[in-house]
Protein backbone atom coordinates (compact mmCIF):
# COMPACT_ATOMS: atom_id res chain seq x y z
CA MET A 1 33.51 36.90 -148.79
CA THR A 2 30.80 34.29 -149.23
CA GLU A 3 28.57 34.16 -152.28
CA ALA A 4 24.82 34.16 -151.78
CA SER A 5 21.60 34.59 -153.74
CA TYR A 6 20.13 38.09 -153.83
CA ALA A 7 17.11 37.51 -156.07
CA PRO A 8 14.17 39.54 -154.73
CA GLY A 9 12.21 37.29 -152.40
CA ALA A 10 15.26 35.21 -151.61
CA GLU A 11 16.12 34.73 -147.95
CA ARG A 12 19.15 37.00 -148.17
CA TRP A 13 17.36 39.98 -149.78
CA LEU A 14 16.00 41.15 -146.42
CA ARG A 15 18.07 41.03 -143.25
CA THR A 16 18.44 42.57 -139.83
CA LEU A 17 20.93 45.45 -139.81
CA PRO A 18 23.49 44.50 -137.12
CA GLY A 19 23.68 46.93 -134.24
CA THR A 20 19.99 47.78 -134.68
CA GLU A 21 16.55 46.20 -134.69
CA LEU A 22 15.94 47.38 -138.27
CA THR A 23 15.26 45.16 -141.27
CA VAL A 24 16.81 46.41 -144.52
CA SER A 25 17.09 45.19 -148.09
CA ALA A 26 20.33 44.11 -149.74
CA VAL A 27 20.10 47.17 -152.00
CA ALA A 28 19.18 50.64 -150.75
CA LEU A 29 17.98 53.59 -152.78
CA GLY A 30 20.70 56.22 -152.44
CA GLY A 31 19.26 59.72 -152.28
CA GLY A 32 22.34 61.68 -153.36
CA PRO A 33 21.26 62.21 -157.00
CA LEU A 34 17.55 62.57 -156.16
CA GLY A 35 17.79 66.23 -155.22
CA SER A 36 19.83 67.03 -158.35
CA MET A 37 23.58 67.48 -157.91
CA PRO A 38 24.78 67.76 -161.53
CA GLU A 39 28.28 68.78 -160.47
CA LEU A 40 28.73 65.30 -158.98
CA PHE A 41 26.33 63.12 -160.94
CA GLY A 42 26.46 64.73 -164.38
CA ARG A 43 22.81 65.65 -164.93
CA GLU A 44 19.96 67.74 -163.61
CA VAL A 45 17.12 65.82 -161.98
CA SER A 46 13.70 67.45 -161.93
CA ALA A 47 11.46 67.25 -158.88
CA GLU A 48 9.01 65.10 -160.84
CA GLU A 49 11.73 62.64 -161.86
CA GLY A 50 13.14 62.46 -158.35
CA VAL A 51 9.77 61.77 -156.77
CA ALA A 52 8.96 59.19 -159.46
CA THR A 53 12.22 57.40 -158.68
CA VAL A 54 11.32 57.12 -155.00
CA LEU A 55 7.84 55.85 -155.90
CA ALA A 56 9.42 53.23 -158.18
CA ALA A 57 11.60 52.10 -155.27
CA PHE A 58 8.54 51.86 -153.02
CA ASP A 59 6.96 49.63 -155.67
CA SER A 60 10.05 47.38 -155.86
CA PRO A 61 11.76 44.91 -153.50
CA ILE A 62 13.92 47.79 -152.16
CA ARG A 63 12.96 48.46 -148.53
CA PHE A 64 15.73 50.87 -147.52
CA VAL A 65 16.21 54.52 -148.49
CA ASP A 66 19.33 56.55 -147.63
CA THR A 67 19.50 60.34 -147.75
CA ALA A 68 21.08 63.31 -145.92
CA ASN A 69 20.10 66.71 -144.62
CA GLY A 70 22.70 68.36 -146.83
CA TYR A 71 21.96 66.67 -150.15
CA SER A 72 21.04 69.55 -152.49
CA ASP A 73 20.30 71.74 -149.46
CA GLY A 74 17.57 69.35 -148.32
CA GLU A 75 15.97 68.76 -151.71
CA SER A 76 16.62 65.01 -151.58
CA GLU A 77 14.72 64.78 -148.31
CA ARG A 78 11.92 66.98 -149.66
CA ARG A 79 11.42 64.72 -152.69
CA ILE A 80 11.43 61.59 -150.55
CA GLY A 81 8.90 63.28 -148.28
CA ALA A 82 6.76 64.18 -151.29
CA ALA A 83 6.80 60.55 -152.44
CA ILE A 84 5.80 59.40 -148.94
CA GLY A 85 2.90 61.84 -149.08
CA LEU A 86 1.75 60.62 -152.50
CA TRP A 87 1.95 57.05 -151.20
CA GLU A 88 -0.20 58.21 -148.28
CA GLY A 89 2.41 57.18 -145.76
CA LEU A 90 5.67 55.28 -145.66
CA PRO A 91 5.17 51.84 -147.23
CA GLU A 92 5.15 48.95 -144.82
CA GLY A 93 8.64 47.68 -144.08
CA VAL A 94 10.50 50.62 -145.66
CA VAL A 95 13.27 52.19 -143.55
CA VAL A 96 14.43 55.74 -144.26
CA ALA A 97 17.86 56.73 -142.93
CA THR A 98 19.25 60.25 -143.04
CA LYS A 99 22.36 62.12 -141.89
CA VAL A 100 22.99 65.24 -139.85
CA ASP A 101 24.98 67.90 -141.68
CA PRO A 102 26.64 71.17 -140.71
CA ARG A 103 25.35 74.56 -141.80
CA GLY A 104 28.42 76.16 -143.30
CA ALA A 105 31.18 75.77 -140.71
CA ASP A 106 28.69 75.20 -137.90
CA TYR A 107 28.80 71.55 -136.79
CA SER A 108 27.89 72.25 -133.19
CA GLY A 109 25.62 70.22 -130.97
CA GLN A 110 22.86 72.76 -131.55
CA ARG A 111 23.30 72.39 -135.29
CA VAL A 112 22.94 68.60 -134.96
CA ARG A 113 19.65 69.10 -133.14
CA GLN A 114 18.41 71.51 -135.78
CA SER A 115 19.48 69.17 -138.58
CA VAL A 116 17.27 66.44 -137.09
CA VAL A 117 14.32 68.84 -136.82
CA GLU A 118 14.74 69.86 -140.47
CA SER A 119 14.97 66.27 -141.67
CA ARG A 120 11.83 65.20 -139.83
CA ALA A 121 9.90 68.11 -141.33
CA ARG A 122 11.09 67.52 -144.90
CA LEU A 123 10.51 63.77 -144.78
CA GLY A 124 7.19 64.13 -142.97
CA LEU A 125 8.26 61.49 -140.47
CA ASP A 126 7.88 61.68 -136.72
CA ALA A 127 10.43 58.90 -136.20
CA LEU A 128 13.93 58.75 -137.69
CA PRO A 129 15.09 55.16 -137.14
CA LEU A 130 18.71 55.71 -138.22
CA VAL A 131 20.63 58.99 -138.30
CA HIS A 132 24.30 59.22 -139.28
CA LEU A 133 26.97 61.73 -138.38
CA HIS A 134 27.87 62.82 -141.92
CA ASP A 135 31.40 63.53 -143.15
CA PRO A 136 32.91 64.64 -139.83
CA GLU A 137 36.45 64.28 -141.15
CA GLY A 138 36.46 67.82 -142.51
CA HIS A 139 36.05 69.27 -139.01
CA ASP A 140 38.23 69.47 -135.92
CA PHE A 141 38.09 66.14 -134.09
CA ALA A 142 38.51 67.64 -130.61
CA THR A 143 35.67 70.07 -131.17
CA MET A 144 33.39 67.43 -132.69
CA THR A 145 33.94 65.07 -129.77
CA ALA A 146 33.89 67.62 -126.92
CA PRO A 147 31.12 67.47 -124.29
CA GLY A 148 28.00 68.98 -125.82
CA GLY A 149 29.53 68.74 -129.30
CA ALA A 150 28.19 67.04 -132.40
CA VAL A 151 28.99 63.46 -131.38
CA ASP A 152 27.84 63.91 -127.80
CA THR A 153 24.58 65.46 -128.96
CA LEU A 154 23.84 62.70 -131.46
CA VAL A 155 24.43 60.10 -128.74
CA GLU A 156 22.09 62.03 -126.43
CA LEU A 157 19.40 62.15 -129.13
CA ARG A 158 19.60 58.38 -129.45
CA ASP A 159 19.68 57.70 -125.73
CA SER A 160 16.68 59.96 -125.13
CA GLY A 161 14.69 58.31 -127.93
CA VAL A 162 14.52 61.35 -130.23
CA VAL A 163 16.17 59.23 -132.95
CA GLY A 164 16.53 55.48 -133.18
CA ARG A 165 20.06 54.28 -133.90
CA ILE A 166 23.08 56.37 -134.88
CA GLY A 167 25.65 55.80 -137.57
CA LEU A 168 28.99 57.10 -138.75
CA ALA A 169 29.13 57.99 -142.46
CA GLY A 170 32.26 59.34 -144.02
CA GLY A 171 35.11 59.12 -146.45
CA ARG A 172 38.77 59.36 -145.48
CA VAL A 173 39.34 56.19 -143.51
CA GLN A 174 42.20 57.43 -141.35
CA GLU A 175 39.92 60.09 -139.86
CA ILE A 176 36.79 57.96 -139.72
CA ALA A 177 38.76 55.34 -137.76
CA ARG A 178 39.21 57.89 -134.94
CA TYR A 179 35.46 58.30 -134.68
CA LEU A 180 34.87 54.55 -134.89
CA ASP A 181 37.24 54.07 -131.94
CA LEU A 182 34.92 56.17 -129.76
CA GLY A 183 32.71 53.10 -129.56
CA VAL A 184 29.43 55.05 -129.58
CA PHE A 185 28.05 54.35 -133.05
CA ASP A 186 25.73 51.52 -134.06
CA VAL A 187 26.34 51.54 -137.83
CA LEU A 188 29.21 52.39 -140.20
CA LEU A 189 28.67 53.72 -143.73
CA VAL A 190 31.63 53.85 -146.12
CA HIS A 191 31.68 55.14 -149.69
CA ASN A 192 33.96 54.73 -152.72
CA ARG A 193 36.40 52.75 -150.58
CA TRP A 194 35.17 49.15 -150.79
CA THR A 195 34.83 48.47 -154.51
CA LEU A 196 36.33 46.47 -157.32
CA LEU A 197 39.06 49.13 -157.64
CA ASP A 198 39.65 50.45 -154.12
CA ARG A 199 39.86 48.61 -150.79
CA SER A 200 40.82 51.54 -148.56
CA ALA A 201 37.99 50.78 -146.14
CA GLY A 202 39.05 47.17 -145.55
CA PRO A 203 40.33 47.68 -141.98
CA LEU A 204 37.32 49.87 -141.10
CA VAL A 205 34.84 47.29 -142.38
CA ALA A 206 36.64 44.52 -140.53
CA GLU A 207 36.69 46.47 -137.26
CA ALA A 208 33.04 47.49 -137.49
CA HIS A 209 32.08 43.88 -138.19
CA ARG A 210 34.16 42.72 -135.22
CA ARG A 211 32.29 45.17 -133.00
CA GLY A 212 28.93 43.82 -134.16
CA MET A 213 28.03 47.03 -135.99
CA GLY A 214 25.97 47.20 -139.14
CA VAL A 215 28.02 48.03 -142.24
CA LEU A 216 26.61 49.92 -145.23
CA ASN A 217 28.54 50.35 -148.47
CA ALA A 218 27.86 53.24 -150.87
CA ALA A 219 29.24 54.49 -154.19
CA VAL A 220 30.24 51.04 -155.42
CA TYR A 221 30.61 52.47 -158.94
CA GLY A 222 33.33 54.87 -157.77
CA GLY A 223 31.52 57.91 -159.10
CA GLY A 224 30.76 56.30 -162.47
CA ILE A 225 33.98 54.66 -163.67
CA LEU A 226 32.53 51.23 -162.79
CA ALA A 227 29.02 52.02 -164.03
CA ALA A 228 29.56 51.66 -167.78
CA GLN A 229 30.92 48.85 -169.93
CA GLN A 230 31.84 51.40 -172.61
CA GLY A 231 33.18 54.92 -172.05
CA GLY A 232 32.32 56.62 -168.80
CA PRO A 233 34.37 59.04 -166.68
CA THR A 234 38.11 58.80 -166.12
CA THR A 235 37.74 59.86 -162.50
CA TYR A 236 37.43 57.75 -159.38
CA GLY A 237 35.69 59.10 -156.29
CA TYR A 238 35.42 62.47 -158.09
CA ARG A 239 39.20 62.70 -158.54
CA PRO A 240 41.32 61.97 -161.63
CA ALA A 241 41.99 58.23 -161.65
CA PRO A 242 45.68 57.18 -161.79
CA PRO A 243 46.75 55.43 -165.02
CA GLU A 244 47.11 52.09 -163.23
CA MET A 245 43.52 52.33 -162.02
CA LEU A 246 42.26 53.20 -165.50
CA GLU A 247 44.12 50.21 -166.91
CA ALA A 248 42.70 47.95 -164.23
CA ALA A 249 39.17 49.13 -165.01
CA ALA A 250 39.69 48.48 -168.72
CA ARG A 251 40.93 44.96 -168.07
CA MET A 252 38.06 44.32 -165.67
CA ARG A 253 35.60 45.32 -168.40
CA GLU A 254 37.24 42.81 -170.72
CA ALA A 255 37.03 40.08 -168.09
CA CYS A 256 33.36 40.80 -167.45
CA ALA A 257 32.57 40.68 -171.16
CA ALA A 258 34.40 37.37 -171.49
CA HIS A 259 32.16 35.97 -168.73
CA GLY A 260 28.98 37.30 -170.34
CA THR A 261 28.31 40.24 -168.05
CA ASP A 262 29.24 43.90 -167.59
CA ILE A 263 31.35 45.77 -165.08
CA ALA A 264 28.40 47.57 -163.44
CA THR A 265 26.76 44.27 -162.52
CA ALA A 266 30.06 42.95 -161.16
CA ALA A 267 30.67 46.18 -159.20
CA LEU A 268 27.28 45.90 -157.53
CA GLN A 269 27.59 42.21 -156.77
CA PHE A 270 31.12 42.61 -155.40
CA SER A 271 29.50 44.44 -152.49
CA LEU A 272 26.37 42.29 -152.30
CA ARG A 273 28.28 39.04 -151.99
CA ASP A 274 30.27 40.28 -148.98
CA GLU A 275 28.25 39.00 -146.03
CA ARG A 276 29.65 41.74 -143.77
CA ILE A 277 27.82 44.36 -145.84
CA ALA A 278 24.23 44.63 -144.65
CA SER A 279 23.09 46.86 -147.51
CA THR A 280 24.64 48.36 -150.62
CA ILE A 281 23.52 51.94 -151.28
CA VAL A 282 23.09 52.78 -154.95
CA GLY A 283 22.36 56.33 -156.05
CA MET A 284 19.39 56.42 -158.41
CA SER A 285 17.77 59.32 -160.22
CA ARG A 286 15.46 57.67 -162.77
CA PRO A 287 12.68 55.11 -162.23
CA GLY A 288 14.42 52.87 -164.75
CA HIS A 289 17.51 52.77 -162.54
CA VAL A 290 15.46 51.04 -159.85
CA THR A 291 14.39 48.19 -162.12
CA ALA A 292 17.85 47.84 -163.66
CA THR A 293 19.56 47.72 -160.25
CA VAL A 294 17.23 45.08 -158.84
CA GLU A 295 17.72 42.99 -161.97
CA ALA A 296 21.51 43.35 -161.78
CA ALA A 297 21.46 42.28 -158.13
CA ALA A 298 19.64 39.07 -159.05
CA ARG A 299 21.76 38.16 -162.09
CA ALA A 300 23.81 34.98 -161.80
CA LEU A 301 27.56 35.47 -162.32
CA PRO A 302 30.14 32.69 -162.69
CA ASP A 303 32.39 31.91 -159.73
CA ALA A 304 35.49 32.11 -161.92
CA LEU A 305 34.91 35.80 -162.58
CA TRP A 306 35.64 36.83 -159.00
CA ASP A 307 39.12 35.33 -158.85
CA GLU A 308 39.93 36.94 -162.18
CA LEU A 309 38.74 40.37 -161.07
CA GLU A 310 40.64 40.08 -157.79
CA GLY A 311 43.81 39.46 -159.75
CA LEU A 312 43.26 42.76 -161.58
CA LEU A 313 42.97 44.92 -158.45
CA PRO A 314 45.22 47.98 -158.86
CA PRO A 315 47.98 48.56 -156.27
CA SER A 316 47.04 50.19 -152.98
CA ARG A 317 49.04 53.32 -153.82
CA THR A 318 46.31 54.20 -156.34
CA TRP A 319 43.46 54.00 -153.81
CA LEU A 320 41.75 57.12 -152.44
CA ASP A 321 43.25 56.79 -148.98
CA ALA A 322 46.65 55.38 -149.79
CA GLU A 323 49.18 56.21 -147.08
């Protein structure tokens, strides 16, 4: 990884997303919490607060918004669409990416088409520049990749110009690698698996970069354990964290404090400073989160901190996708 400046306005804040013609910002507004998913994010988010958060992002250096058809049964997309309407159109230079999702167990090609129709209507956008296949690992690979299936249909939608570029967004790396090997996707999105505490996605990121694909990294706080200098959850990626991981997080907090910073800033910048990562997606549900995230991205951290944190990485057997 190579260190770089990410202060808003700096050369590295905006960049072309490899595998596409899109320009994105180093930090993306993650739409997961916007629609209110208290079971995952710990709090209810009102429609007014969600829309205000999107408007705050529009009024910031953030030029990339990530959402999904299935987030809160479409409520994330609706609130982003409402903000676009209040702004009287998508702000210049802002890219909105979404994801196709199944309806119950239905992840057929027809469902993929319908998911795109729903997303366009909720967002109020005629053009969807980037659409991901979302969490396919929970479905039968042979069915998903059969002629006329979900993957085939998403490729057809791109090739016919209905959507712009297509991405692969998922969790368990052993399954996502099978989809990556199909060679049909333009962008890879990983979550919870390339952080200060978990490097499960290392081979996936390396392979996507080798292929010239864009790489997006989400959930760099691991579901919250890396978001707070004091307290916070004892889970990682929404699962109970092993004792060795909890100990590593505690020691990382101490190291950050000794270097005059906090673990949330380090967790964000761990992803930002990796030049293979085109954009780091941060879930936000309050306007204040937008300002705080942009400020954390621009904060200067000492070089010595990174070697110290690397030495505290917990063993691979504690990672989400340990074999």
